[in-house]
Each structure stands twice: as structure tokens, then as C-alpha cells.
Amino acid sequence: MDHKMDKEQLSAFLDDELLADERATVQGHLSFCEECSAYVERLKAASTDFKQFGSEKAPASVQNAAGKKKAASRWSGMDYAMAFTAFIAAMLVGGMMAKKFAPAVFSQIQGMISGAANNLGQ
């Protein structure tokens, strides 16, 4: 195609992704351009073929293998989220308990941080 209508614009037209004025421009162009009209028809045919093949079921052997693999996976996304939440909660509770029962350690750490900040400021 050696004119202003490009393949992406024709594909967007077919997928109904253009604004009304852009769609009207493409429709007008298709009314006189045989090359672009033929290209759009090829896209339509490919889309139809793809939809037809996409609706077929996988062979039983593939479905069985996929089912076995899924069953073998013990952790789901929710399991990971729950484990992460439990870890964070344990860290927070542990930190609060450590601060309550070991205040000298926290005072020492605070002093070290303050000393380091003072050294940086000088």
C-alpha cells in the first residue's frame, strides 16, 4: 500500500476501534481502493478462521496432562498471599514484642543510628 491508509488503521477499523470520523474516512477509502478492500477481506477471513479454530477443544490427552499438572501444584495465588500476610504479621508482632521486652536493645540501636547521622552531618 503506497497511500495514506496503513494496515494498522485497517485492522483497527475491522476491530471497531476507530472513532466515528476515522471510521468514516476508512469506509470512504475502502469504497474506491480495491487493494485495501481486499486486505480487509483477508483480515475478516483470518479472523473467522481463528475464531473457528479457537473454539475447538483440546484432545483428551492434552486436557488430562493439563489437569494433572494443575493438581500437582499445591500453592495457588491466594495461598501465596495468605503466607505473605502471615509472614508480615509475624514480623510486626515479633518487632512489637522485642521492643516491649528488650528496650535496651532498641535504645542502643537508636543511639547507633543517631551517631551515624551526626557523623554524616559533620
Protein backbone atom coordinates (compact mmCIF):
# COMPACT_ATOMS: atom_id res chain seq x y z
CA MET A 1 0.00 0.00 0.00
CA ASP A 2 1.58 3.22 -1.10
CA HIS A 3 -1.07 5.62 0.15
CA LYS A 4 -2.14 7.10 3.50
CA MET A 5 -4.22 4.13 4.72
CA ASP A 6 -1.97 1.78 6.70
CA LYS A 7 -2.56 -1.82 7.76
CA GLU A 8 -2.92 -0.98 11.44
CA GLN A 9 -5.67 1.51 10.68
CA LEU A 10 -7.49 -1.07 8.55
CA SER A 11 -7.16 -3.65 11.32
CA ALA A 12 -8.49 -1.15 13.86
CA PHE A 13 -11.40 -0.47 11.50
CA LEU A 14 -12.21 -4.16 11.37
CA ASP A 15 -11.98 -4.46 15.17
CA ASP A 16 -14.26 -1.41 15.60
CA GLU A 17 -11.55 0.51 17.46
CA LEU A 18 -11.75 3.77 15.49
CA LEU A 19 -13.55 6.98 16.36
CA ALA A 20 -16.58 7.81 14.22
CA ASP A 21 -14.74 10.28 11.96
CA GLU A 22 -11.79 7.90 11.46
CA ARG A 23 -14.19 5.07 10.69
CA ALA A 24 -15.98 7.21 8.08
CA THR A 25 -12.63 8.07 6.48
CA VAL A 26 -11.68 4.39 6.22
CA GLN A 27 -15.11 3.45 4.86
CA GLY A 28 -14.79 6.13 2.20
CA HIS A 29 -11.33 4.91 1.28
CA LEU A 30 -12.48 1.29 1.06
CA SER A 31 -15.26 2.29 -1.34
CA PHE A 32 -12.70 3.11 -4.06
CA CYS A 33 -9.50 1.26 -3.09
CA GLU A 34 -9.53 -2.35 -4.25
CA GLU A 35 -6.20 -3.13 -2.62
CA CYS A 36 -7.33 -2.06 0.86
CA SER A 37 -10.74 -3.68 0.41
CA ALA A 38 -9.06 -6.97 -0.46
CA TYR A 39 -6.77 -6.63 2.57
CA VAL A 40 -9.76 -6.07 4.89
CA GLU A 41 -11.49 -9.12 3.40
CA ARG A 42 -8.37 -11.22 4.07
CA LEU A 43 -8.34 -9.97 7.65
CA LYS A 44 -12.01 -10.86 8.06
CA ALA A 45 -11.38 -14.38 6.72
CA ALA A 46 -8.39 -14.87 9.00
CA SER A 47 -10.40 -13.66 11.99
CA THR A 48 -13.23 -16.05 11.16
CA ASP A 49 -10.79 -18.95 10.81
CA PHE A 50 -9.11 -18.06 14.07
CA LYS A 51 -12.42 -17.90 15.94
CA GLN A 52 -13.46 -21.24 14.48
CA PHE A 53 -10.23 -22.98 15.48
CA GLY A 54 -10.19 -21.26 18.86
CA SER A 55 -13.48 -22.91 19.81
CA GLU A 56 -12.27 -26.48 19.31
CA LYS A 57 -11.49 -28.50 22.42
CA ALA A 58 -8.01 -29.79 23.06
CA PRO A 59 -7.51 -33.53 22.68
CA ALA A 60 -8.26 -35.58 25.80
CA SER A 61 -4.57 -36.43 26.27
CA VAL A 62 -3.72 -32.72 26.46
CA GLN A 63 -6.61 -31.98 28.80
CA ASN A 64 -5.59 -34.86 31.09
CA ALA A 65 -1.96 -33.72 31.17
CA ALA A 66 -3.01 -30.16 31.98
CA GLY A 67 -5.31 -31.39 34.75
CA LYS A 68 -2.54 -33.48 36.29
CA LYS A 69 -0.12 -30.56 36.23
CA LYS A 70 -2.70 -28.29 37.87
CA ALA A 71 -3.45 -30.89 40.54
CA ALA A 72 0.29 -31.28 41.23
CA SER A 73 0.61 -27.57 42.02
CA ARG A 74 -0.03 -27.23 45.74
CA TRP A 75 0.09 -23.45 46.03
CA SER A 76 -2.39 -21.10 44.43
CA GLY A 77 -2.10 -17.32 44.21
CA MET A 78 -4.32 -16.99 47.28
CA ASP A 79 -2.07 -19.36 49.23
CA TYR A 80 0.95 -17.18 48.47
CA ALA A 81 -0.96 -14.06 49.52
CA MET A 82 -2.02 -15.67 52.79
CA ALA A 83 1.52 -16.89 53.53
CA PHE A 84 2.94 -13.43 52.80
CA THR A 85 0.31 -11.79 55.04
CA ALA A 86 1.09 -14.24 57.86
CA PHE A 87 4.82 -13.54 57.48
CA ILE A 88 4.31 -9.77 57.68
CA ALA A 89 2.00 -10.14 60.69
CA ALA A 90 4.57 -12.34 62.46
CA MET A 91 7.32 -9.80 61.77
CA LEU A 92 5.20 -6.95 63.14
CA VAL A 93 4.16 -8.87 66.26
CA GLY A 94 7.74 -10.03 66.78
CA GLY A 95 9.02 -6.48 66.44
CA MET A 96 6.49 -5.12 68.90
CA MET A 97 7.28 -7.86 71.41
CA ALA A 98 11.01 -7.32 71.04
CA LYS A 99 10.60 -3.60 71.62
CA LYS A 100 8.48 -4.20 74.72
CA PHE A 101 10.68 -6.87 76.27
CA ALA A 102 14.10 -5.66 75.11
CA PRO A 103 14.03 -1.84 75.29
CA ALA A 104 17.79 -1.64 75.93
CA VAL A 105 18.49 -3.16 72.52
CA PHE A 106 16.26 -0.62 70.80
CA SER A 107 17.87 2.24 72.75
CA GLN A 108 21.29 1.01 71.65
CA ILE A 109 20.18 0.77 68.00
CA GLN A 110 18.64 4.25 68.19
CA GLY A 111 21.91 5.59 69.60
CA MET A 112 23.91 3.98 66.79
CA ILE A 113 21.61 5.48 64.17
CA SER A 114 21.79 8.92 65.78
CA GLY A 115 25.57 8.71 65.97
CA ALA A 116 25.83 7.73 62.32
CA ALA A 117 23.51 10.58 61.33
CA ASN A 118 25.59 13.04 63.32
CA ASN A 119 28.80 11.81 61.65
CA LEU A 120 27.23 12.29 58.23
CA GLY A 121 26.16 15.81 59.10
CA GLN A 122 29.69 16.90 60.04
